[in-house]
Protein backbone atom coordinates (compact mmCIF):
# COMPACT_ATOMS: atom_id res chain seq x y z
CA UNK A 1 12.06 1.86 16.74
CA UNK A 2 10.17 0.56 13.78
CA UNK A 3 11.50 -2.09 11.77
CA UNK A 4 11.02 -1.70 7.79
CA UNK A 5 10.72 -4.61 5.50
CA UNK A 6 11.71 -2.60 2.46
CA UNK A 7 15.22 -0.74 1.83
CA UNK A 8 15.24 2.99 1.90
CA UNK A 9 18.90 3.54 1.74
CA UNK A 10 19.01 3.76 -2.09
CA UNK A 11 16.66 4.91 -5.01
CA UNK A 12 16.67 3.67 -8.36
CA UNK A 13 14.58 1.12 -10.50
CA UNK A 14 16.45 -1.78 -9.14
CA UNK A 15 15.40 -1.00 -5.55
CA UNK A 16 11.95 -0.71 -6.43
CA UNK A 17 11.96 -3.66 -8.55
CA UNK A 18 13.45 -5.50 -5.65
CA UNK A 19 11.15 -4.21 -2.93
CA UNK A 20 8.10 -5.08 -5.12
CA UNK A 21 9.46 -8.41 -5.82
CA UNK A 22 9.98 -8.89 -2.10
CA UNK A 23 6.34 -7.87 -1.26
CA UNK A 24 4.87 -10.38 -3.80
CA UNK A 25 7.27 -13.32 -2.56
CA UNK A 26 6.12 -12.54 0.94
CA UNK A 27 2.43 -12.89 -0.14
CA UNK A 28 3.08 -16.19 -2.12
CA UNK A 29 5.04 -17.65 1.04
CA UNK A 30 1.87 -16.62 3.24
CA UNK A 31 -0.70 -17.92 0.89
CA UNK A 32 -0.18 -19.41 -2.74
CA UNK A 33 -4.02 -19.10 -2.93
CA UNK A 34 -4.16 -15.21 -2.27
CA UNK A 35 -0.89 -14.75 -4.44
CA UNK A 36 -2.97 -16.47 -7.46
CA UNK A 37 -5.82 -14.33 -6.53
CA UNK A 38 -3.63 -11.22 -6.87
CA UNK A 39 -2.27 -12.47 -10.25
CA UNK A 40 -5.69 -12.72 -11.59
CA UNK A 41 -7.23 -9.67 -10.29
CA UNK A 42 -4.41 -7.56 -12.00
CA UNK A 43 -4.76 -9.42 -15.22
CA UNK A 44 -8.46 -9.51 -15.29
CA UNK A 45 -9.10 -6.11 -16.77
CA UNK A 46 -6.50 -6.60 -19.42
CA UNK A 47 -7.04 -10.10 -20.64
CA UNK A 48 -9.78 -11.66 -22.77
CA UNK A 49 -9.08 -15.25 -21.50
CA UNK A 50 -9.41 -16.59 -17.95
CA UNK A 51 -6.07 -16.33 -16.28
CA UNK A 52 -5.71 -19.36 -13.83
CA UNK A 53 -2.33 -20.45 -12.96
CA UNK A 54 -3.26 -21.96 -9.69
CA UNK A 55 -3.50 -25.66 -8.88
CA UNK A 56 -6.72 -27.50 -10.30
CA UNK A 57 -7.95 -30.86 -9.09
CA UNK A 58 -9.63 -32.99 -11.70
CA UNK A 59 -11.52 -36.29 -11.19
CA UNK A 60 -11.51 -39.08 -13.29
CA UNK A 61 -9.52 -37.75 -16.38
CA UNK A 62 -9.57 -39.83 -19.56
CA UNK A 63 -6.25 -39.94 -21.22
CA UNK A 64 -5.44 -42.00 -24.56
CA UNK A 65 -4.25 -44.97 -22.82
CA UNK A 66 -5.83 -44.76 -19.46
CA UNK A 67 -8.63 -43.41 -17.33
CA UNK A 68 -7.16 -41.69 -14.04
CA UNK A 69 -8.95 -41.52 -10.86
CA UNK A 70 -7.76 -37.89 -10.45
CA UNK A 71 -5.09 -35.43 -11.61
CA UNK A 72 -3.63 -32.34 -9.76
CA UNK A 73 -2.01 -29.90 -12.60
CA UNK A 74 -0.71 -26.56 -12.45
CA UNK A 75 -0.47 -24.52 -15.72
CA UNK A 76 2.88 -22.90 -16.42
CA UNK A 77 3.00 -19.29 -16.48
CA UNK A 78 5.79 -16.47 -16.54
CA UNK A 79 5.35 -12.85 -15.43
CA UNK A 80 8.09 -10.70 -16.98
CA UNK A 81 8.33 -7.20 -15.16
CA UNK A 82 9.77 -3.83 -16.47
CA UNK A 83 9.92 -1.09 -13.79
CA UNK A 84 10.55 2.62 -14.50
CA UNK A 85 10.53 5.72 -12.36
CA UNK A 86 8.28 7.45 -14.79
CA UNK A 87 6.76 6.68 -18.37
CA UNK A 88 10.10 6.20 -19.95
CA UNK A 89 9.39 2.83 -21.52
CA UNK A 90 11.28 2.11 -24.90
CA UNK A 91 10.03 0.11 -27.74
CA UNK A 92 13.12 -1.74 -28.61
CA UNK A 93 13.45 -2.80 -24.88
CA UNK A 94 9.99 -3.91 -24.63
CA UNK A 95 10.49 -6.10 -27.96
CA UNK A 96 13.68 -7.59 -26.41
CA UNK A 97 11.72 -8.61 -23.34
CA UNK A 98 9.11 -10.33 -25.08
CA UNK A 99 11.69 -13.10 -26.34
CA UNK A 100 11.94 -14.28 -22.83
CA UNK A 101 8.59 -16.07 -23.29
CA UNK A 102 8.75 -19.61 -24.33
CA UNK A 103 6.51 -22.51 -24.01
CA UNK A 104 4.50 -21.18 -21.05
CA UNK A 105 0.80 -21.39 -21.22
CA UNK A 106 0.15 -17.86 -19.68
CA UNK A 107 2.49 -15.04 -20.41
CA UNK A 108 2.16 -11.67 -18.81
CA UNK A 109 4.24 -8.60 -19.44
CA UNK A 110 4.10 -6.22 -16.65
CA UNK A 111 5.07 -2.63 -16.88
CA UNK A 112 5.14 -1.00 -13.71
CA UNK A 113 5.64 2.71 -13.08
CA UNK A 114 4.43 5.68 -10.59
CA UNK A 115 2.08 6.67 -13.77
CA UNK A 116 0.14 4.93 -16.48
CA UNK A 117 2.02 4.64 -19.71
CA UNK A 118 1.10 7.00 -22.52
CA UNK A 119 -1.57 5.80 -24.98
CA UNK A 120 0.92 5.98 -27.86
CA UNK A 121 3.47 3.88 -26.00
CA UNK A 122 0.52 1.47 -25.06
CA UNK A 123 -0.43 0.99 -28.92
CA UNK A 124 3.39 0.40 -29.84
CA UNK A 125 3.55 -2.35 -27.17
CA UNK A 126 0.18 -3.87 -28.69
CA UNK A 127 1.76 -3.72 -31.82
CA UNK A 128 4.96 -5.61 -30.71
CA UNK A 129 2.98 -8.22 -28.95
CA UNK A 130 0.90 -8.74 -31.86
CA UNK A 131 3.88 -9.17 -34.11
CA UNK A 132 5.57 -11.52 -31.70
CA UNK A 133 2.65 -13.63 -31.22
CA UNK A 134 2.18 -14.43 -34.99
CA UNK A 135 5.76 -15.05 -35.34
CA UNK A 136 5.82 -17.47 -32.70
CA UNK A 137 2.03 -18.88 -33.19
CA UNK A 138 1.18 -18.78 -29.41
CA UNK A 139 -2.29 -20.49 -28.57
CA UNK A 140 -3.07 -17.67 -25.91
CA UNK A 141 -2.01 -14.20 -26.39
CA UNK A 142 0.62 -12.22 -24.37
CA UNK A 143 -1.34 -10.14 -21.76
CA UNK A 144 0.31 -6.65 -20.99
CA UNK A 145 -0.53 -5.29 -17.61
CA UNK A 146 0.38 -1.76 -17.35
CA UNK A 147 0.09 -1.05 -13.69
CA UNK A 148 1.19 1.96 -11.07
CA UNK A 149 2.50 1.16 -7.92
CA UNK A 150 -0.59 2.58 -6.00
CA UNK A 151 -2.88 0.04 -7.89
CA UNK A 152 -0.58 -2.65 -7.49
CA UNK A 153 -0.81 -2.30 -3.54
CA UNK A 154 -4.49 -1.81 -3.84
CA UNK A 155 -4.85 -5.08 -5.90
CA UNK A 156 -2.50 -6.59 -3.07
CA UNK A 157 -4.76 -5.34 -0.13
CA UNK A 158 -8.08 -6.49 -1.72
CA UNK A 159 -6.68 -10.41 -1.44
CA UNK A 160 -6.47 -9.57 2.33
CA UNK A 161 -8.66 -9.59 5.13
CA UNK A 162 -8.34 -8.04 8.64
CA UNK A 163 -6.87 -11.26 10.14
CA UNK A 164 -3.73 -10.99 7.78
CA UNK A 165 -2.01 -9.01 10.38
CA UNK A 166 1.45 -9.67 9.26
CA UNK A 167 0.62 -9.07 5.77
CA UNK A 168 -1.24 -5.91 6.22
CA UNK A 169 2.01 -4.63 8.09
CA UNK A 170 4.05 -5.61 5.13
CA UNK A 171 1.97 -3.90 2.70
CA UNK A 172 1.92 -0.70 4.90
CA UNK A 173 5.67 -0.61 5.05
CA UNK A 174 5.76 -0.88 1.27
CA UNK A 175 3.43 2.01 0.98
CA UNK A 176 5.66 4.03 3.22
CA UNK A 177 8.50 3.24 1.24
CA UNK A 178 6.60 4.19 -2.30
CA UNK A 179 5.60 7.63 -0.70
CA UNK A 180 9.03 7.98 0.72
CA UNK A 181 10.59 7.52 -2.90
CA UNK A 182 7.71 9.47 -4.62
CA UNK A 183 6.65 6.27 -6.22
CA UNK A 184 2.88 7.07 -5.66
CA UNK A 185 2.06 10.44 -7.10
CA UNK A 186 -1.22 12.63 -6.48
CA UNK A 187 -2.12 10.48 -3.50
CA UNK A 188 -5.91 10.86 -2.72
CA UNK A 189 -5.24 11.63 1.04
CA UNK A 190 -8.95 12.82 1.51
CA UNK A 191 -10.04 9.31 1.33
CA UNK A 192 -7.80 7.95 4.25
CA UNK A 193 -8.14 7.89 7.83
CA UNK A 194 -5.33 6.66 9.87
CA UNK A 195 -6.19 4.99 13.28
CA UNK A 196 -3.59 5.67 15.96
CA UNK A 197 -3.56 3.93 19.36
CA UNK A 198 -4.51 6.55 22.00
CA UNK A 199 -5.24 4.71 25.34
CA UNK A 200 -3.72 6.75 28.32
CA UNK A 201 -3.50 9.95 26.35
CA UNK A 202 -6.92 9.77 24.70
CA UNK A 203 -8.34 12.42 27.04
CA UNK A 204 -5.62 14.88 26.56
CA UNK A 205 -5.73 14.36 22.72
CA UNK A 206 -9.39 15.02 22.43
CA UNK A 207 -9.68 18.02 24.75
CA UNK A 208 -6.56 19.92 22.89
CA UNK A 209 -7.21 18.32 19.32
CA UNK A 210 -3.60 17.16 19.01
CA UNK A 211 -1.91 13.73 18.66
CA UNK A 212 1.83 12.94 18.48
CA UNK A 213 3.90 10.26 16.80
CA UNK A 214 7.62 9.61 16.32
CA UNK A 215 8.91 10.94 12.94
CA UNK A 216 10.74 7.67 12.27
CA UNK A 217 7.35 5.64 11.83
CA UNK A 218 6.55 7.42 8.48
CA UNK A 219 2.94 7.21 6.91
CA UNK A 220 1.10 7.82 3.94
CA UNK A 221 -0.69 10.93 3.31
CA UNK A 222 -4.32 10.97 5.02
CA UNK A 223 -6.55 13.93 5.97
CA UNK A 224 -8.37 12.31 8.86
CA UNK A 225 -7.04 10.97 12.08
CA UNK A 226 -8.82 8.27 14.25
CA UNK A 227 -8.18 7.43 18.00
CA UNK A 228 -8.60 4.07 19.31
CA UNK A 229 -9.42 3.20 22.66
CA UNK A 230 -11.19 0.26 24.32
CA UNK A 231 -11.84 -1.90 21.17
CA UNK A 232 -12.85 0.94 18.90
CA UNK A 233 -12.05 4.27 17.17
CA UNK A 234 -13.73 6.65 19.60
CA UNK A 235 -12.85 9.97 17.89
CA UNK A 236 -12.07 11.11 14.45
CA UNK A 237 -11.01 14.45 13.06
CA UNK A 238 -9.86 16.26 10.20
CA UNK A 239 -6.19 17.16 10.16
CA UNK A 240 -5.50 20.83 9.89
CA UNK A 241 -1.88 21.11 10.56
CA UNK A 242 1.26 18.75 10.95
CA UNK A 243 4.19 19.85 12.89
CA UNK A 244 7.60 18.41 13.35
CA UNK A 245 9.01 19.36 16.78
CA UNK A 246 12.64 18.68 17.77
CA UNK A 247 12.66 19.62 21.47
CA UNK A 248 15.98 17.90 22.53
CA UNK A 249 17.17 21.40 23.58
CA UNK A 250 14.13 22.79 25.31
CA UNK A 251 15.55 26.41 25.12
CA UNK A 252 15.72 26.05 21.24
CA UNK A 253 12.86 23.94 19.90
CA UNK A 254 13.09 23.19 16.22
CA UNK A 255 10.00 23.21 14.37
CA UNK A 256 9.27 22.02 10.65
CA UNK A 257 5.75 22.89 9.10
CA UNK A 258 4.51 20.14 7.02
CA UNK A 259 0.77 21.17 6.55
CA UNK A 260 -0.97 23.98 7.76
CA UNK A 261 0.27 26.94 10.00
CA UNK A 262 2.42 27.24 13.31
CA UNK A 263 0.86 30.15 15.28
CA UNK A 264 1.90 30.57 19.28
CA UNK A 265 -1.25 28.68 20.37
CA UNK A 266 0.07 25.39 18.66
CA UNK A 267 3.34 25.76 19.86
CA UNK A 268 2.04 26.13 23.56
CA UNK A 269 0.28 22.78 22.76
CA UNK A 270 3.19 21.35 21.59
CA UNK A 271 4.93 22.23 25.15
CA UNK A 272 1.73 21.03 27.03
CA UNK A 273 1.82 17.52 25.20
CA UNK A 274 5.44 17.11 26.09
CA UNK A 275 4.73 17.58 29.86
CA UNK A 276 1.40 15.59 29.81
CA UNK A 277 3.26 12.73 28.14
CA UNK A 278 5.86 12.61 31.06
CA UNK A 279 2.87 11.42 33.30
CA UNK A 280 2.57 7.96 31.53
CA UNK A 281 6.60 7.63 30.86
CA UNK A 282 6.72 9.13 27.44
CA UNK A 283 9.64 11.21 26.61
CA UNK A 284 8.81 13.41 23.57
CA UNK A 285 12.17 15.36 23.74
CA UNK A 286 14.52 12.41 23.19
CA UNK A 287 13.25 12.13 19.49
CA UNK A 288 11.64 14.45 16.89
CA UNK A 289 7.89 14.07 17.49
CA UNK A 290 5.12 14.73 14.23
CA UNK A 291 2.35 16.48 15.99
CA UNK A 292 -1.20 16.06 14.12
CA UNK A 293 -3.54 19.18 14.85
CA UNK A 294 -7.34 18.95 14.55
CA UNK A 295 -10.05 21.75 14.60
CA UNK A 296 -11.95 19.30 16.77
CA UNK A 297 -12.58 15.49 17.34
CA UNK A 298 -15.71 13.99 16.96
CA UNK A 299 -17.21 11.12 19.01
CA UNK A 300 -17.82 7.96 16.80
CA UNK A 301 -17.72 4.05 17.63
CA UNK A 302 -16.00 2.34 14.78
CA UNK A 303 -15.47 -1.17 16.27
CA UNK A 304 -12.95 -3.61 15.22
CA UNK A 305 -14.19 -6.90 13.71
CA UNK A 306 -11.48 -9.28 15.26
CA UNK A 307 -11.15 -10.46 18.89
CA UNK A 308 -7.47 -9.32 18.80
CA UNK A 309 -6.23 -5.95 19.60
CA UNK A 310 -4.42 -3.97 16.96
CA UNK A 311 -0.75 -3.98 16.97
CA UNK A 312 -0.32 -0.31 15.83
CA UNK A 313 -1.83 2.10 13.37
CA UNK A 314 -3.90 1.30 10.52
CA UNK A 315 -5.08 3.06 7.26
CA UNK A 316 -8.80 2.80 6.33
CA UNK A 317 -10.17 3.84 3.02
CA UNK A 318 -13.49 5.95 4.07
CA UNK A 319 -14.99 5.47 1.12
CA UNK A 320 -14.91 1.83 1.10
CA UNK A 321 -15.67 1.75 5.18
CA UNK A 322 -18.60 4.44 4.67
CA UNK A 323 -19.61 2.99 1.10
CA UNK A 324 -19.58 6.65 -0.59
CA UNK A 325 -17.68 8.37 -3.15
CA UNK A 326 -17.03 11.70 -1.58
CA UNK A 327 -16.37 12.67 2.08
CA UNK A 328 -17.91 16.13 2.70
CA UNK A 329 -16.33 16.52 6.16
CA UNK A 330 -15.54 14.80 9.38
CA UNK A 331 -18.60 14.97 11.11
């Protein structure tokens, strides 16, 4: 059973905020440098000044009454976060939030939601910030970061590399949570391939164009499925159908069609998969399974970069992997 890092028992802005702060705090605990890189990246497109809250090491710094050999300093900063489940930000509320800023050098107001703030609201926030800055005489302006949950997750992913296994797992679960609660809308599923460990069942999967996984695992939308074996993704196919089957009662299998269609041929394939899995000690009748059907798997050789075997599934953005903007087909 998969262990989740982020709660899914309740919905609402408080839960979305708590889960997002947990995500960011885990990154800071793991690597302060990567946390600061993340903050810099989300501020970069909105700031006209260099946002650099990390530690700086200065040699031979002259002071009024002394000349220090070295100084280690960190500029103060504050990030005020307002989370909404839609574009429902209020001018009065934003104005009140600006009052939390004080003597910090860097001041960031982050408005987080599934969609971007409407332009008229963005202008209203800009006016409120300008008035607040003039009133308080700040040396540097308050930066407003209007960001979606998907953009935040993407920026988070961009500061990680393939060796950051634990953080990648945490991010994957955060994305699962966001999709589960509808915090990411209009997902570009056509861009993503999910790599699944196949191993012993690889030949059956490729021959019959089907792969299965427990429904409790959850996943973000993806149109392509890659099967991993012997240190490489060996086969890839475009998902034509996704069917959840509860076969706890063999005489009354319950099907739920999530994508595509469920002809008798696919029902037969599910039965064959259940029987084939028994050869390897897998009981697909114990818990509901999600069956992924492809019209065909195509041979490939997408090798992993690290020397360590993957610990589970992983989602790849094919536009980044292939260096293209569109994916015409799976071949």
